[in-house]
């Protein structure tokens, strides 16, 4: 019983840390994403759209998720808002090239 309480407490602590931290390819860092991290994550994800016309492979999906995590913590409201749009479209299975192109314009300009 005590083990369950301790496990639940640890899970709650980790969840709280995740919701209050920055996710990057290196994990939770507790800071905003850098310009270099944003551009690297974008380039990796964008290559799946260029080469495959859709990130339909597991690697492509992970690249898009990593980009969304990094962009969600970049210190620019427009980029963060567009990352949420990409996340919603990917979660519903309807992320298209058009969605990707429209929601990454600010990132293309920045990088």
PDB file of N, CA and C in Angstrom:
ATOM      1  N   UNK A   1       0.820  -1.196   0.000  1.00  0.00           N
ATOM      2  CA  UNK A   1       0.000   0.000   0.000  1.00  0.00           C
ATOM      3  C   UNK A   1       0.863   1.259   0.000  1.00  0.00           C
ATOM      4  N   UNK A   2       1.890   1.265   0.849  1.00  0.00           N
ATOM      5  CA  UNK A   2       2.780   2.427   0.895  1.00  0.00           C
ATOM      6  C   UNK A   2       3.483   2.592  -0.447  1.00  0.00           C
ATOM      7  N   UNK A   3       3.839   1.472  -1.074  1.00  0.00           N
ATOM      8  CA  UNK A   3       4.486   1.524  -2.383  1.00  0.00           C
ATOM      9  C   UNK A   3       3.611   2.186  -3.428  1.00  0.00           C
ATOM     10  N   UNK A   4       2.312   1.921  -3.395  1.00  0.00           N
ATOM     11  CA  UNK A   4       1.387   2.546  -4.342  1.00  0.00           C
ATOM     12  C   UNK A   4       1.297   4.047  -4.120  1.00  0.00           C
ATOM     13  N   UNK A   5       1.276   4.458  -2.873  1.00  0.00           N
ATOM     14  CA  UNK A   5       1.212   5.888  -2.552  1.00  0.00           C
ATOM     15  C   UNK A   5       2.479   6.585  -3.031  1.00  0.00           C
ATOM     16  N   UNK A   6       3.632   5.965  -2.786  1.00  0.00           N
ATOM     17  CA  UNK A   6       4.900   6.546  -3.226  1.00  0.00           C
ATOM     18  C   UNK A   6       4.948   6.619  -4.753  1.00  0.00           C
ATOM     19  N   UNK A   7       4.520   5.552  -5.425  1.00  0.00           N
ATOM     20  CA  UNK A   7       4.508   5.547  -6.889  1.00  0.00           C
ATOM     21  C   UNK A   7       3.585   6.630  -7.431  1.00  0.00           C
ATOM     22  N   UNK A   8       2.414   6.779  -6.842  1.00  0.00           N
ATOM     23  CA  UNK A   8       1.473   7.818  -7.285  1.00  0.00           C
ATOM     24  C   UNK A   8       2.064   9.206  -7.074  1.00  0.00           C
ATOM     25  N   UNK A   9       2.741   9.400  -5.957  1.00  0.00           N
ATOM     26  CA  UNK A   9       3.364  10.699  -5.681  1.00  0.00           C
ATOM     27  C   UNK A   9       4.461  10.995  -6.696  1.00  0.00           C
ATOM     28  N   UNK A  10       5.268  10.000  -7.027  1.00  0.00           N
ATOM     29  CA  UNK A  10       6.331  10.200  -8.014  1.00  0.00           C
ATOM     30  C   UNK A  10       5.766  10.512  -9.391  1.00  0.00           C
ATOM     31  N   UNK A  11       4.709   9.819  -9.768  1.00  0.00           N
ATOM     32  CA  UNK A  11       4.071  10.096 -11.057  1.00  0.00           C
ATOM     33  C   UNK A  11       3.526  11.520 -11.084  1.00  0.00           C
ATOM     34  N   UNK A  12       2.913  11.958 -10.004  1.00  0.00           N
ATOM     35  CA  UNK A  12       2.383  13.321  -9.931  1.00  0.00           C
ATOM     36  C   UNK A  12       3.500  14.348 -10.042  1.00  0.00           C
ATOM     37  N   UNK A  13       4.632  14.084  -9.412  1.00  0.00           N
ATOM     38  CA  UNK A  13       5.765  15.014  -9.475  1.00  0.00           C
ATOM     39  C   UNK A  13       6.307  15.102 -10.899  1.00  0.00           C
ATOM     40  N   UNK A  14       6.461  13.956 -11.553  1.00  0.00           N
ATOM     41  CA  UNK A  14       6.964  13.945 -12.927  1.00  0.00           C
ATOM     42  C   UNK A  14       5.992  14.653 -13.858  1.00  0.00           C
ATOM     43  N   UNK A  15       4.692  14.395 -13.719  1.00  0.00           N
ATOM     44  CA  UNK A  15       3.700  15.075 -14.556  1.00  0.00           C
ATOM     45  C   UNK A  15       3.732  16.579 -14.344  1.00  0.00           C
ATOM     46  N   UNK A  16       3.862  17.018 -13.111  1.00  0.00           N
ATOM     47  CA  UNK A  16       3.933  18.451 -12.824  1.00  0.00           C
ATOM     48  C   UNK A  16       5.183  19.055 -13.441  1.00  0.00           C
ATOM     49  N   UNK A  17       6.289  18.353 -13.358  1.00  0.00           N
ATOM     50  CA  UNK A  17       7.531  18.854 -13.949  1.00  0.00           C
ATOM     51  C   UNK A  17       7.408  18.961 -15.456  1.00  0.00           C
ATOM     52  N   UNK A  18       6.759  17.988 -16.071  1.00  0.00           N
ATOM     53  CA  UNK A  18       6.589  18.033 -17.520  1.00  0.00           C
ATOM     54  C   UNK A  18       5.711  19.197 -17.938  1.00  0.00           C
ATOM     55  N   UNK A  19       4.668  19.445 -17.206  1.00  0.00           N
ATOM     56  CA  UNK A  19       3.764  20.522 -17.596  1.00  0.00           C
ATOM     57  C   UNK A  19       4.376  21.888 -17.355  1.00  0.00           C
ATOM     58  N   UNK A  20       5.405  21.959 -16.525  1.00  0.00           N
ATOM     59  CA  UNK A  20       6.019  23.237 -16.179  1.00  0.00           C
ATOM     60  C   UNK A  20       7.399  23.400 -16.798  1.00  0.00           C
ATOM     61  N   UNK A  21       7.805  22.500 -17.663  1.00  0.00           N
ATOM     62  CA  UNK A  21       9.140  22.539 -18.227  1.00  0.00           C
ATOM     63  C   UNK A  21       9.087  22.582 -19.738  1.00  0.00           C
ATOM     64  N   UNK A  22      10.238  22.757 -20.314  1.00  0.00           N
ATOM     65  CA  UNK A  22      10.373  22.791 -21.758  1.00  0.00           C
ATOM     66  C   UNK A  22      10.778  21.422 -22.262  1.00  0.00           C
ATOM     67  N   UNK A  23      10.070  20.939 -23.253  1.00  0.00           N
ATOM     68  CA  UNK A  23      10.439  19.657 -23.851  1.00  0.00           C
ATOM     69  C   UNK A  23      11.278  19.920 -25.086  1.00  0.00           C
ATOM     70  N   UNK A  24      12.413  19.290 -25.174  1.00  0.00           N
ATOM     71  CA  UNK A  24      13.261  19.375 -26.361  1.00  0.00           C
ATOM     72  C   UNK A  24      13.696  17.971 -26.706  1.00  0.00           C
ATOM     73  N   UNK A  25      14.470  17.849 -27.757  1.00  0.00           N
ATOM     74  CA  UNK A  25      14.986  16.544 -28.119  1.00  0.00           C
ATOM     75  C   UNK A  25      15.828  15.938 -27.003  1.00  0.00           C
ATOM     76  N   UNK A  26      16.388  16.775 -26.147  1.00  0.00           N
ATOM     77  CA  UNK A  26      17.219  16.292 -25.045  1.00  0.00           C
ATOM     78  C   UNK A  26      16.395  16.002 -23.806  1.00  0.00           C
ATOM     79  N   UNK A  27      15.107  16.258 -23.845  1.00  0.00           N
ATOM     80  CA  UNK A  27      14.269  15.994 -22.681  1.00  0.00           C
ATOM     81  C   UNK A  27      13.804  17.274 -22.021  1.00  0.00           C
ATOM     82  N   UNK A  28      13.375  17.159 -20.783  1.00  0.00           N
ATOM     83  CA  UNK A  28      12.850  18.311 -20.059  1.00  0.00           C
ATOM     84  C   UNK A  28      13.996  19.170 -19.554  1.00  0.00           C
ATOM     85  N   UNK A  29      13.978  20.440 -19.897  1.00  0.00           N
ATOM     86  CA  UNK A  29      15.093  21.315 -19.545  1.00  0.00           C
ATOM     87  C   UNK A  29      14.707  22.450 -18.623  1.00  0.00           C
ATOM     88  N   UNK A  30      13.420  22.786 -18.531  1.00  0.00           N
ATOM     89  CA  UNK A  30      12.994  23.874 -17.668  1.00  0.00           C
ATOM     90  C   UNK A  30      13.286  25.252 -18.223  1.00  0.00           C
ATOM     91  N   UNK A  31      13.473  25.375 -19.514  1.00  0.00           N
ATOM     92  CA  UNK A  31      13.764  26.672 -20.131  1.00  0.00           C
ATOM     93  C   UNK A  31      13.106  26.729 -21.507  1.00  0.00           C
ATOM     94  N   UNK A  32      13.079  27.938 -22.077  1.00  0.00           N
ATOM     95  CA  UNK A  32      12.562  28.081 -23.433  1.00  0.00           C
ATOM     96  C   UNK A  32      13.496  27.393 -24.422  1.00  0.00           C
ATOM     97  N   UNK A  33      12.933  26.969 -25.535  1.00  0.00           N
ATOM     98  CA  UNK A  33      13.739  26.387 -26.607  1.00  0.00           C
ATOM     99  C   UNK A  33      14.584  27.478 -27.249  1.00  0.00           C
ATOM    100  N   UNK A  34      15.758  27.108 -27.728  1.00  0.00           N
ATOM    101  CA  UNK A  34      16.639  28.068 -28.390  1.00  0.00           C
ATOM    102  C   UNK A  34      16.347  28.105 -29.883  1.00  0.00           C
ATOM    103  N   UNK A  35      16.878  29.125 -30.532  1.00  0.00           N
ATOM    104  CA  UNK A  35      16.743  29.261 -31.978  1.00  0.00           C
ATOM    105  C   UNK A  35      17.353  28.049 -32.681  1.00  0.00           C
ATOM    106  N   UNK A  36      18.502  27.605 -32.236  1.00  0.00           N
ATOM    107  CA  UNK A  36      19.161  26.436 -32.843  1.00  0.00           C
ATOM    108  C   UNK A  36      18.322  25.177 -32.690  1.00  0.00           C
ATOM    109  N   UNK A  37      17.739  24.978 -31.517  1.00  0.00           N
ATOM    110  CA  UNK A  37      16.879  23.810 -31.290  1.00  0.00           C
ATOM    111  C   UNK A  37      15.654  23.859 -32.191  1.00  0.00           C
ATOM    112  N   UNK A  38      15.060  25.044 -32.312  1.00  0.00           N
ATOM    113  CA  UNK A  38      13.879  25.203 -33.157  1.00  0.00           C
ATOM    114  C   UNK A  38      14.205  24.860 -34.604  1.00  0.00           C
ATOM    115  N   UNK A  39      15.287  25.424 -35.121  1.00  0.00           N
ATOM    116  CA  UNK A  39      15.644  25.196 -36.523  1.00  0.00           C
ATOM    117  C   UNK A  39      16.018  23.739 -36.782  1.00  0.00           C
ATOM    118  N   UNK A  40      16.740  23.124 -35.869  1.00  0.00           N
ATOM    119  CA  UNK A  40      17.117  21.716 -36.036  1.00  0.00           C
ATOM    120  C   UNK A  40      15.881  20.821 -36.031  1.00  0.00           C
ATOM    121  N   UNK A  41      14.962  21.074 -35.116  1.00  0.00           N
ATOM    122  CA  UNK A  41      13.736  20.271 -35.040  1.00  0.00           C
ATOM    123  C   UNK A  41      12.877  20.489 -36.283  1.00  0.00           C
ATOM    124  N   UNK A  42      12.788  21.740 -36.740  1.00  0.00           N
ATOM    125  CA  UNK A  42      12.013  22.029 -37.948  1.00  0.00           C
ATOM    126  C   UNK A  42      12.613  21.320 -39.162  1.00  0.00           C
ATOM    127  N   UNK A  43      13.917  21.436 -39.346  1.00  0.00           N
ATOM    128  CA  UNK A  43      14.565  20.825 -40.512  1.00  0.00           C
ATOM    129  C   UNK A  43      14.373  19.313 -40.528  1.00  0.00           C
ATOM    130  N   UNK A  44      14.473  18.683 -39.372  1.00  0.00           N
ATOM    131  CA  UNK A  44      14.284  17.231 -39.296  1.00  0.00           C
ATOM    132  C   UNK A  44      12.856  16.849 -39.676  1.00  0.00           C
ATOM    133  N   UNK A  45      11.872  17.569 -39.157  1.00  0.00           N
ATOM    134  CA  UNK A  45      10.471  17.259 -39.459  1.00  0.00           C
ATOM    135  C   UNK A  45      10.122  17.617 -40.900  1.00  0.00           C
ATOM    136  N   UNK A  46      10.617  18.744 -41.373  1.00  0.00           N
ATOM    137  CA  UNK A  46      10.287  19.194 -42.722  1.00  0.00           C
ATOM    138  C   UNK A  46      10.816  18.235 -43.783  1.00  0.00           C
ATOM    139  N   UNK A  47      11.933  17.577 -43.499  1.00  0.00           N
ATOM    140  CA  UNK A  47      12.482  16.648 -44.487  1.00  0.00           C
ATOM    141  C   UNK A  47      11.501  15.513 -44.789  1.00  0.00           C
ATOM    142  N   UNK A  48      10.674  15.125 -43.827  1.00  0.00           N
ATOM    143  CA  UNK A  48       9.681  14.082 -44.086  1.00  0.00           C
ATOM    144  C   UNK A  48       8.577  14.583 -45.004  1.00  0.00           C
ATOM    145  N   UNK A  49       8.234  15.855 -44.909  1.00  0.00           N
ATOM    146  CA  UNK A  49       7.225  16.406 -45.811  1.00  0.00           C
ATOM    147  C   UNK A  49       7.794  16.544 -47.218  1.00  0.00           C
ATOM    148  N   UNK A  50       9.044  16.943 -47.323  1.00  0.00           N
ATOM    149  CA  UNK A  50       9.670  17.113 -48.634  1.00  0.00           C
ATOM    150  C   UNK A  50       9.866  15.766 -49.313  1.00  0.00           C
ATOM    151  N   UNK A  51      10.404  14.791 -48.573  1.00  0.00           N
ATOM    152  CA  UNK A  51      10.750  13.502 -49.161  1.00  0.00           C
ATOM    153  C   UNK A  51       9.554  12.565 -49.311  1.00  0.00           C
ATOM    154  N   UNK A  52       8.612  12.614 -48.381  1.00  0.00           N
ATOM    155  CA  UNK A  52       7.527  11.639 -48.375  1.00  0.00           C
ATOM    156  C   UNK A  52       6.149  12.249 -48.579  1.00  0.00           C
ATOM    157  N   UNK A  53       6.080  13.559 -48.635  1.00  0.00           N
ATOM    158  CA  UNK A  53       4.823  14.288 -48.799  1.00  0.00           C
ATOM    159  C   UNK A  53       3.889  14.146 -47.605  1.00  0.00           C
ATOM    160  N   UNK A  54       4.279  13.386 -46.607  1.00  0.00           N
ATOM    161  CA  UNK A  54       3.512  13.277 -45.358  1.00  0.00           C
ATOM    162  C   UNK A  54       4.327  12.449 -44.374  1.00  0.00           C
ATOM    163  N   UNK A  55       4.315  12.804 -43.105  1.00  0.00           N
ATOM    164  CA  UNK A  55       5.124  12.062 -42.129  1.00  0.00           C
ATOM    165  C   UNK A  55       4.440  10.765 -41.693  1.00  0.00           C
ATOM    166  N   UNK A  56       4.232   9.856 -42.661  1.00  0.00           N
ATOM    167  CA  UNK A  56       3.461   8.651 -42.366  1.00  0.00           C
ATOM    168  C   UNK A  56       4.301   7.517 -41.789  1.00  0.00           C
ATOM    169  N   UNK A  57       5.573   7.744 -41.593  1.00  0.00           N
ATOM    170  CA  UNK A  57       6.418   6.727 -40.977  1.00  0.00           C
ATOM    171  C   UNK A  57       6.548   7.026 -39.484  1.00  0.00           C
ATOM    172  N   UNK A  58       6.903   6.045 -38.688  1.00  0.00           N
ATOM    173  CA  UNK A  58       7.111   6.311 -37.257  1.00  0.00           C
ATOM    174  C   UNK A  58       8.180   7.376 -37.019  1.00  0.00           C
ATOM    175  N   UNK A  59       9.246   7.362 -37.831  1.00  0.00           N
ATOM    176  CA  UNK A  59      10.300   8.365 -37.674  1.00  0.00           C
ATOM    177  C   UNK A  59       9.777   9.761 -38.009  1.00  0.00           C
ATOM    178  N   UNK A  60       8.963   9.837 -39.054  1.00  0.00           N
ATOM    179  CA  UNK A  60       8.386  11.122 -39.428  1.00  0.00           C
ATOM    180  C   UNK A  60       7.462  11.661 -38.352  1.00  0.00           C
ATOM    181  N   UNK A  61       6.642  10.784 -37.796  1.00  0.00           N
ATOM    182  CA  UNK A  61       5.733  11.209 -36.738  1.00  0.00           C
ATOM    183  C   UNK A  61       6.517  11.687 -35.519  1.00  0.00           C
ATOM    184  N   UNK A  62       7.583  10.959 -35.150  1.00  0.00           N
ATOM    185  CA  UNK A  62       8.407  11.383 -34.007  1.00  0.00           C
ATOM    186  C   UNK A  62       9.076  12.720 -34.277  1.00  0.00           C
ATOM    187  N   UNK A  63       9.511  12.941 -35.511  1.00  0.00           N
ATOM    188  CA  UNK A  63      10.135  14.219 -35.859  1.00  0.00           C
ATOM    189  C   UNK A  63       9.147  15.367 -35.737  1.00  0.00           C
ATOM    190  N   UNK A  64       7.923  15.134 -36.197  1.00  0.00           N
ATOM    191  CA  UNK A  64       6.890  16.172 -36.082  1.00  0.00           C
ATOM    192  C   UNK A  64       6.574  16.431 -34.609  1.00  0.00           C
ATOM    193  N   UNK A  65       6.446  15.368 -33.814  1.00  0.00           N
ATOM    194  CA  UNK A  65       6.174  15.535 -32.379  1.00  0.00           C
ATOM    195  C   UNK A  65       7.304  16.288 -31.692  1.00  0.00           C
ATOM    196  N   UNK A  66       8.554  15.974 -32.048  1.00  0.00           N
ATOM    197  CA  UNK A  66       9.687  16.683 -31.460  1.00  0.00           C
ATOM    198  C   UNK A  66       9.641  18.156 -31.844  1.00  0.00           C
ATOM    199  N   UNK A  67       9.346  18.439 -33.125  1.00  0.00           N
ATOM    200  CA  UNK A  67       9.241  19.831 -33.552  1.00  0.00           C
ATOM    201  C   UNK A  67       8.158  20.558 -32.761  1.00  0.00           C
ATOM    202  N   UNK A  68       7.006  19.925 -32.613  1.00  0.00           N
ATOM    203  CA  UNK A  68       5.900  20.546 -31.874  1.00  0.00           C
ATOM    204  C   UNK A  68       6.310  20.810 -30.425  1.00  0.00           C
ATOM    205  N   UNK A  69       7.001  19.856 -29.797  1.00  0.00           N
ATOM    206  CA  UNK A  69       7.460  20.057 -28.416  1.00  0.00           C
ATOM    207  C   UNK A  69       8.416  21.236 -28.316  1.00  0.00           C
ATOM    208  N   UNK A  70       9.372  21.306 -29.238  1.00  0.00           N
ATOM    209  CA  UNK A  70      10.348  22.399 -29.214  1.00  0.00           C
ATOM    210  C   UNK A  70       9.661  23.727 -29.528  1.00  0.00           C
ATOM    211  N   UNK A  71       8.842  23.758 -30.579  1.00  0.00           N
ATOM    212  CA  UNK A  71       8.167  25.000 -30.976  1.00  0.00           C
ATOM    213  C   UNK A  71       7.185  25.481 -29.913  1.00  0.00           C
ATOM    214  N   UNK A  72       6.590  24.561 -29.176  1.00  0.00           N
ATOM    215  CA  UNK A  72       5.643  24.933 -28.115  1.00  0.00           C
ATOM    216  C   UNK A  72       6.316  25.691 -26.985  1.00  0.00           C
ATOM    217  N   UNK A  73       7.629  25.591 -26.910  1.00  0.00           N
ATOM    218  CA  UNK A  73       8.368  26.261 -25.841  1.00  0.00           C
ATOM    219  C   UNK A  73       9.341  27.308 -26.373  1.00  0.00           C
ATOM    220  N   UNK A  74       9.134  27.713 -27.621  1.00  0.00           N
ATOM    221  CA  UNK A  74       9.955  28.770 -28.205  1.00  0.00           C
ATOM    222  C   UNK A  74       9.344  30.110 -27.804  1.00  0.00           C
ATOM    223  N   UNK A  75      10.169  31.099 -27.455  1.00  0.00           N
ATOM    224  CA  UNK A  75       9.625  32.371 -26.950  1.00  0.00           C
ATOM    225  C   UNK A  75       9.044  33.272 -28.041  1.00  0.00           C
ATOM    226  N   UNK A  76       8.020  32.784 -28.730  1.00  0.00           N
ATOM    227  CA  UNK A  76       7.312  33.548 -29.743  1.00  0.00           C
ATOM    228  C   UNK A  76       5.875  33.040 -29.760  1.00  0.00           C
ATOM    229  N   UNK A  77       4.931  33.919 -29.472  1.00  0.00           N
ATOM    230  CA  UNK A  77       3.531  33.500 -29.356  1.00  0.00           C
ATOM    231  C   UNK A  77       2.976  32.903 -30.647  1.00  0.00           C
ATOM    232  N   UNK A  78       3.336  33.474 -31.795  1.00  0.00           N
ATOM    233  CA  UNK A  78       2.841  32.953 -33.065  1.00  0.00           C
ATOM    234  C   UNK A  78       3.331  31.539 -33.333  1.00  0.00           C
ATOM    235  N   UNK A  79       4.602  31.294 -33.064  1.00  0.00           N
ATOM    236  CA  UNK A  79       5.165  29.955 -33.269  1.00  0.00           C
ATOM    237  C   UNK A  79       4.528  28.969 -32.302  1.00  0.00           C
ATOM    238  N   UNK A  80       4.310  29.393 -31.073  1.00  0.00           N
ATOM    239  CA  UNK A  80       3.658  28.507 -30.093  1.00  0.00           C
ATOM    240  C   UNK A  80       2.226  28.175 -30.517  1.00  0.00           C
ATOM    241  N   UNK A  81       1.502  29.181 -30.975  1.00  0.00           N
ATOM    242  CA  UNK A  81       0.113  28.973 -31.400  1.00  0.00           C
ATOM    243  C   UNK A  81       0.060  28.014 -32.598  1.00  0.00           C
ATOM    244  N   UNK A  82       0.955  28.213 -33.556  1.00  0.00           N
ATOM    245  CA  UNK A  82       0.986  27.335 -34.726  1.00  0.00           C
ATOM    246  C   UNK A  82       1.386  25.913 -34.349  1.00  0.00           C
ATOM    247  N   UNK A  83       2.255  25.768 -33.356  1.00  0.00           N
ATOM    248  CA  UNK A  83       2.636  24.426 -32.884  1.00  0.00           C
ATOM    249  C   UNK A  83       1.416  23.708 -32.317  1.00  0.00           C
ATOM    250  N   UNK A  84       0.560  24.445 -31.604  1.00  0.00           N
ATOM    251  CA  UNK A  84      -0.668  23.831 -31.075  1.00  0.00           C
ATOM    252  C   UNK A  84      -1.581  23.377 -32.218  1.00  0.00           C
ATOM    253  N   UNK A  85      -1.639  24.160 -33.293  1.00  0.00           N
ATOM    254  CA  UNK A  85      -2.457  23.776 -34.449  1.00  0.00           C
ATOM    255  C   UNK A  85      -1.916  22.511 -35.107  1.00  0.00           C
ATOM    256  N   UNK A  86      -0.597  22.421 -35.226  1.00  0.00           N
ATOM    257  CA  UNK A  86       0.013  21.222 -35.814  1.00  0.00           C
ATOM    258  C   UNK A  86      -0.254  20.023 -34.920  1.00  0.00           C
ATOM    259  N   UNK A  87      -0.107  20.205 -33.606  1.00  0.00           N
ATOM    260  CA  UNK A  87      -0.354  19.104 -32.664  1.00  0.00           C
ATOM    261  C   UNK A  87      -1.792  18.604 -32.791  1.00  0.00           C
ATOM    262  N   UNK A  88      -2.753  19.526 -32.877  1.00  0.00           N
ATOM    263  CA  UNK A  88      -4.162  19.136 -32.975  1.00  0.00           C
ATOM    264  C   UNK A  88      -4.425  18.386 -34.278  1.00  0.00           C
ATOM    265  N   UNK A  89      -3.866  18.876 -35.380  1.00  0.00           N
ATOM    266  CA  UNK A  89      -4.071  18.208 -36.668  1.00  0.00           C
ATOM    267  C   UNK A  89      -3.423  16.825 -36.676  1.00  0.00           C
ATOM    268  N   UNK A  90      -2.230  16.715 -36.114  1.00  0.00           N
ATOM    269  CA  UNK A  90      -1.547  15.414 -36.069  1.00  0.00           C
ATOM    270  C   UNK A  90      -2.310  14.437 -35.182  1.00  0.00           C
ATOM    271  N   UNK A  91      -2.830  14.920 -34.074  1.00  0.00           N
ATOM    272  CA  UNK A  91      -3.570  14.051 -33.149  1.00  0.00           C
ATOM    273  C   UNK A  91      -4.849  13.521 -33.788  1.00  0.00           C
ATOM    274  N   UNK A  92      -5.452  14.321 -34.651  1.00  0.00           N
ATOM    275  CA  UNK A  92      -6.684  13.881 -35.310  1.00  0.00           C
ATOM    276  C   UNK A  92      -6.400  13.075 -36.574  1.00  0.00           C
ATOM    277  N   UNK A  93      -5.129  12.972 -36.942  1.00  0.00           N
ATOM    278  CA  UNK A  93      -4.763  12.226 -38.141  1.00  0.00           C
ATOM    279  C   UNK A  93      -4.987  12.984 -39.426  1.00  0.00           C
ATOM    280  N   UNK A  94      -5.153  14.297 -39.333  1.00  0.00           N
ATOM    281  CA  UNK A  94      -5.466  15.076 -40.532  1.00  0.00           C
ATOM    282  C   UNK A  94      -4.395  16.108 -40.876  1.00  0.00           C
ATOM    283  N   UNK A  95      -3.161  15.896 -40.443  1.00  0.00           N
ATOM    284  CA  UNK A  95      -2.091  16.847 -40.744  1.00  0.00           C
ATOM    285  C   UNK A  95      -1.716  16.728 -42.219  1.00  0.00           C
ATOM    286  N   UNK A  96      -1.970  17.788 -42.955  1.00  0.00           N
ATOM    287  CA  UNK A  96      -1.696  17.785 -44.389  1.00  0.00           C
ATOM    288  C   UNK A  96      -0.480  18.655 -44.688  1.00  0.00           C
ATOM    289  N   UNK A  97       0.005  18.553 -45.926  1.00  0.00           N
ATOM    290  CA  UNK A  97       1.094  19.434 -46.354  1.00  0.00           C
ATOM    291  C   UNK A  97       0.675  20.890 -46.234  1.00  0.00           C
ATOM    292  N   UNK A  98      -0.579  21.177 -46.557  1.00  0.00           N
ATOM    293  CA  UNK A  98      -1.099  22.540 -46.466  1.00  0.00           C
ATOM    294  C   UNK A  98      -1.054  23.038 -45.016  1.00  0.00           C
ATOM    295  N   UNK A  99      -1.502  22.205 -44.076  1.00  0.00           N
ATOM    296  CA  UNK A  99      -1.447  22.577 -42.651  1.00  0.00           C
ATOM    297  C   UNK A  99      -0.010  22.837 -42.229  1.00  0.00           C
ATOM    298  N   UNK A 100       0.878  21.935 -42.625  1.00  0.00           N
ATOM    299  CA  UNK A 100       2.289  22.066 -42.246  1.00  0.00           C
ATOM    300  C   UNK A 100       2.860  23.365 -42.802  1.00  0.00           C
ATOM    301  N   UNK A 101       2.635  23.614 -44.078  1.00  0.00           N
ATOM    302  CA  UNK A 101       3.185  24.798 -44.729  1.00  0.00           C
ATOM    303  C   UNK A 101       2.651  26.077 -44.080  1.00  0.00           C
ATOM    304  N   UNK A 102       1.346  26.152 -43.852  1.00  0.00           N
ATOM    305  CA  UNK A 102       0.756  27.358 -43.262  1.00  0.00           C
ATOM    306  C   UNK A 102       1.196  27.587 -41.822  1.00  0.00           C
ATOM    307  N   UNK A 103       1.370  26.526 -41.062  1.00  0.00           N
ATOM    308  CA  UNK A 103       1.678  26.664 -39.640  1.00  0.00           C
ATOM    309  C   UNK A 103       3.169  26.686 -39.327  1.00  0.00           C
ATOM    310  N   UNK A 104       4.009  26.608 -40.350  1.00  0.00           N
ATOM    311  CA  UNK A 104       5.451  26.705 -40.111  1.00  0.00           C
ATOM    312  C   UNK A 104       6.069  27.914 -40.801  1.00  0.00           C
ATOM    313  N   UNK A 105       5.252  28.804 -41.325  1.00  0.00           N
ATOM    314  CA  UNK A 105       5.781  29.974 -42.031  1.00  0.00           C
ATOM    315  C   UNK A 105       6.684  30.816 -41.130  1.00  0.00           C
ATOM    316  N   UNK A 106       6.261  31.083 -39.901  1.00  0.00           N
ATOM    317  CA  UNK A 106       7.085  31.879 -38.979  1.00  0.00           C
ATOM    318  C   UNK A 106       8.420  31.202 -38.703  1.00  0.00           C
ATOM    319  N   UNK A 107       8.408  29.887 -38.630  1.00  0.00           N
ATOM    320  CA  UNK A 107       9.647  29.144 -38.366  1.00  0.00           C
ATOM    321  C   UNK A 107      10.567  29.217 -39.579  1.00  0.00           C
ATOM    322  N   UNK A 108      10.001  29.072 -40.773  1.00  0.00           N
ATOM    323  CA  UNK A 108      10.833  29.172 -41.983  1.00  0.00           C
ATOM    324  C   UNK A 108      11.492  30.539 -42.061  1.00  0.00           C
ATOM    325  N   UNK A 109      10.772  31.584 -41.721  1.00  0.00           N
ATOM    326  CA  UNK A 109      11.338  32.935 -41.734  1.00  0.00           C
ATOM    327  C   UNK A 109      12.437  33.055 -40.674  1.00  0.00           C
ATOM    328  N   UNK A 110      12.191  32.509 -39.490  1.00  0.00           N
ATOM    329  CA  UNK A 110      13.163  32.606 -38.392  1.00  0.00           C
ATOM    330  C   UNK A 110      14.432  31.807 -38.680  1.00  0.00           C
ATOM    331  N   UNK A 111      14.275  30.687 -39.366  1.00  0.00           N
ATOM    332  CA  UNK A 111      15.440  29.813 -39.600  1.00  0.00           C
ATOM    333  C   UNK A 111      16.093  30.105 -40.931  1.00  0.00           C
TER     334      UNK A 111
END
